Every structure is written in C-alpha cells, then in structure tokens.
Amino acid sequence: MRYLKVIAQDLSGEGTADTLRYRFFEDDTLLREATADEVRRLKTFGTNYLKCRWFNDGEGEERHLRMFSLNPSGDGTPESVRLHFNEGSVIQYKAAVHDLDNDGAFEIVLCSDVDNDGRADRTDRTRVNALVREFLKLGWQ
C-alpha cells in the first residue's frame, strides 16, 4: 500500500508546529521525501494540516498522519481516502471520505475531532475535505 506520511514538529519550542516533513512510502519502505516542488504544491495541504494541531515537540516523529486512498474497483479513481492520525504505531483517531457511486465526488465524510478543539463538527469535516482534495492533487494513489 502506498501512503503519504506527514510529520509536524515544534522545533522552536514555542508550542506550535513550525516544520512539516512529507514522506512517501510503499508498504513500509520509504521511497522518498517530498521534493522542493512538491513542498510548494503542498502549501495549502500544510496549512490545513497545521490546523489539526497534531505535532511533535522537538524533532520527534511519533505523532504523524498516514494518508492513503483505496480503489477496490481498480478503475484508477479512489473510492475512499483515509487519514490515520498515529502516535507511534498506534492509530489515535481516524477520518475518511467515501465516493459511494464512483463518480469522483465524495458523498460521505467520517471524522472525529481532527483539529483537537474538543468538538467534532462541520469544521472538522471541512478540514478533512481540504486535506483529501490537496492529497489527490499529488496523484499519489
């Protein structure tokens, strides 16, 4: 399975993430880190991800997002995109979008409190949709 691993870090020690790293994996093998061009293309993704406040103190990498798509029909378009917010190897919470009729539009958004503000609401669904939209632009399905 191919997935994008996103790691946010607070290297300044000021209580907010100031560094983002993007790694592309096939199964558990690191294929590469994002190129400078991809980092520029991921600017909107990064802005939305930082709003999730899922980051590491210092140089840690325990807290990260694993994002991947599923294409059970095999037609090349994802029917589902999943987001796993991990702490180490343990998934702390999940989010997903699903295209029920395979028309390219995601009809269902399932998520909990992805921005860690204490409420699972429309804002969380909006953040998940924004992350998925930017992820799909990479063509990493």
Protein backbone atom coordinates (compact mmCIF):
# COMPACT_ATOMS: atom_id res chain seq x y z
CA MET A 1 0.00 0.00 0.00
CA ARG A 2 1.22 3.46 -0.91
CA TYR A 3 0.79 6.25 1.61
CA LEU A 4 1.91 9.75 2.49
CA LYS A 5 3.33 10.24 5.97
CA VAL A 6 3.16 13.81 7.28
CA ILE A 7 5.22 14.82 10.31
CA ALA A 8 4.82 18.20 12.01
CA GLN A 9 7.40 19.35 14.55
CA ASP A 10 7.76 22.19 17.03
CA LEU A 11 11.50 22.78 16.67
CA SER A 12 11.34 26.26 18.19
CA GLY A 13 9.75 25.03 21.43
CA GLU A 14 7.02 27.67 21.24
CA GLY A 15 4.09 25.25 21.43
CA THR A 16 3.12 25.26 17.75
CA ALA A 17 4.39 23.26 14.80
CA ASP A 18 6.89 25.16 12.67
CA THR A 19 8.25 22.34 10.48
CA LEU A 20 6.48 19.90 8.16
CA ARG A 21 8.00 16.84 6.56
CA TYR A 22 6.38 14.76 3.83
CA ARG A 23 7.49 11.19 3.18
CA PHE A 24 6.19 8.83 0.51
CA PHE A 25 6.02 5.11 1.33
CA GLU A 26 5.27 1.86 -0.45
CA ASP A 27 4.27 -0.61 2.27
CA ASP A 28 6.82 0.19 4.98
CA THR A 29 9.60 1.20 2.61
CA LEU A 30 10.45 4.89 2.39
CA LEU A 31 10.56 5.78 -1.29
CA ARG A 32 11.45 9.45 -0.90
CA GLU A 33 10.93 12.72 0.89
CA ALA A 34 8.94 15.43 -0.87
CA THR A 35 10.89 17.41 -3.43
CA ALA A 36 11.06 21.20 -3.20
CA ASP A 37 8.45 21.44 -5.97
CA GLU A 38 6.10 19.07 -4.12
CA VAL A 39 6.56 21.05 -0.90
CA ARG A 40 5.44 24.18 -2.76
CA ARG A 41 2.43 22.31 -4.15
CA LEU A 42 1.63 21.05 -0.64
CA LYS A 43 1.45 24.55 0.87
CA THR A 44 -2.36 24.51 1.17
CA PHE A 45 -2.26 20.95 2.49
CA GLY A 46 0.30 22.00 5.11
CA THR A 47 -1.76 25.00 6.19
CA ASN A 48 -4.79 22.76 6.74
CA TYR A 49 -2.77 20.04 8.45
CA LEU A 50 -1.26 22.50 10.93
CA LYS A 51 -4.81 23.44 11.97
CA CYS A 52 -5.17 19.85 13.21
CA ARG A 53 -2.57 20.57 15.90
CA TRP A 54 -1.13 17.07 15.62
CA PHE A 55 2.58 17.68 16.06
CA ASN A 56 5.68 16.59 17.94
CA ASP A 57 7.69 18.53 20.46
CA GLY A 58 11.18 18.99 19.08
CA GLU A 59 12.50 16.55 16.50
CA GLY A 60 10.16 13.70 17.42
CA GLU A 61 8.27 11.77 14.75
CA GLU A 62 5.88 9.74 16.89
CA ARG A 63 2.86 11.87 16.04
CA HIS A 64 2.16 11.75 12.33
CA LEU A 65 -0.56 11.41 9.74
CA ARG A 66 -0.71 8.47 7.34
CA MET A 67 -2.90 9.21 4.36
CA PHE A 68 -3.83 6.76 1.62
CA SER A 69 -6.51 6.01 -0.92
CA LEU A 70 -8.35 2.82 -1.77
CA ASN A 71 -9.53 1.84 -5.23
CA PRO A 72 -11.35 -1.51 -4.91
CA SER A 73 -12.96 -1.19 -8.36
CA GLY A 74 -9.49 -0.93 -9.92
CA ASP A 75 -10.54 1.86 -12.29
CA GLY A 76 -7.81 4.26 -11.10
CA THR A 77 -10.08 6.63 -9.19
CA PRO A 78 -10.20 6.38 -5.40
CA GLU A 79 -13.46 5.32 -3.80
CA SER A 80 -12.08 6.08 -0.36
CA VAL A 81 -9.34 8.22 1.16
CA ARG A 82 -8.32 7.50 4.73
CA LEU A 83 -6.45 9.54 7.29
CA HIS A 84 -4.84 7.85 10.28
CA PHE A 85 -3.53 10.12 13.00
CA ASN A 86 -0.86 7.98 14.64
CA GLU A 87 1.19 8.18 17.79
CA GLY A 88 3.97 5.74 17.04
CA SER A 89 2.38 2.63 15.59
CA VAL A 90 -0.96 3.23 17.35
CA ILE A 91 -3.78 4.98 15.50
CA GLN A 92 -5.18 7.60 17.87
CA TYR A 93 -8.04 8.65 15.60
CA LYS A 94 -9.20 8.29 12.01
CA ALA A 95 -11.04 10.13 9.30
CA ALA A 96 -12.22 9.04 5.87
CA VAL A 97 -14.12 10.16 2.82
CA HIS A 98 -16.06 7.79 0.57
CA ASP A 99 -17.28 8.00 -3.02
CA LEU A 100 -20.27 5.66 -2.92
CA ASP A 101 -21.14 5.72 -6.62
CA ASN A 102 -17.58 6.13 -8.02
CA ASP A 103 -18.44 9.40 -9.76
CA GLY A 104 -15.39 11.27 -8.43
CA ALA A 105 -17.30 13.12 -5.69
CA PHE A 106 -17.07 12.07 -2.06
CA GLU A 107 -20.54 11.75 -0.60
CA ILE A 108 -19.59 10.71 2.94
CA VAL A 109 -17.10 12.28 5.35
CA LEU A 110 -16.44 10.40 8.58
CA CYS A 111 -14.31 12.08 11.18
CA SER A 112 -13.90 12.83 14.83
CA ASP A 113 -12.33 15.94 16.34
CA VAL A 114 -9.41 16.18 13.89
CA ASP A 115 -8.46 19.73 14.87
CA ASN A 116 -8.32 18.88 18.58
CA ASP A 117 -10.59 21.71 19.72
CA GLY A 118 -12.84 19.46 21.81
CA ARG A 119 -15.70 19.30 19.27
CA ALA A 120 -16.39 17.05 16.28
CA ASP A 121 -18.22 19.43 13.98
CA ARG A 122 -18.51 20.86 10.47
CA THR A 123 -15.08 22.46 10.79
CA ASP A 124 -13.51 19.02 11.19
CA ARG A 125 -15.30 17.75 8.07
CA THR A 126 -14.14 20.83 6.17
CA ARG A 127 -10.53 20.21 7.24
CA VAL A 128 -10.71 16.57 6.18
CA ASN A 129 -12.16 17.52 2.79
CA ALA A 130 -9.42 20.10 2.27
CA LEU A 131 -6.67 17.62 3.17
CA VAL A 132 -8.14 14.99 0.85
CA ARG A 133 -8.52 17.45 -2.03
CA GLU A 134 -4.87 18.51 -1.76
CA PHE A 135 -3.66 14.92 -1.30
CA LEU A 136 -5.41 13.83 -4.50
CA LYS A 137 -3.73 16.64 -6.45
CA LEU A 138 -0.43 14.87 -5.83
CA GLY A 139 -1.59 11.85 -7.80
CA TRP A 140 -0.21 9.57 -5.06
CA GLN A 141 -2.97 6.95 -5.21
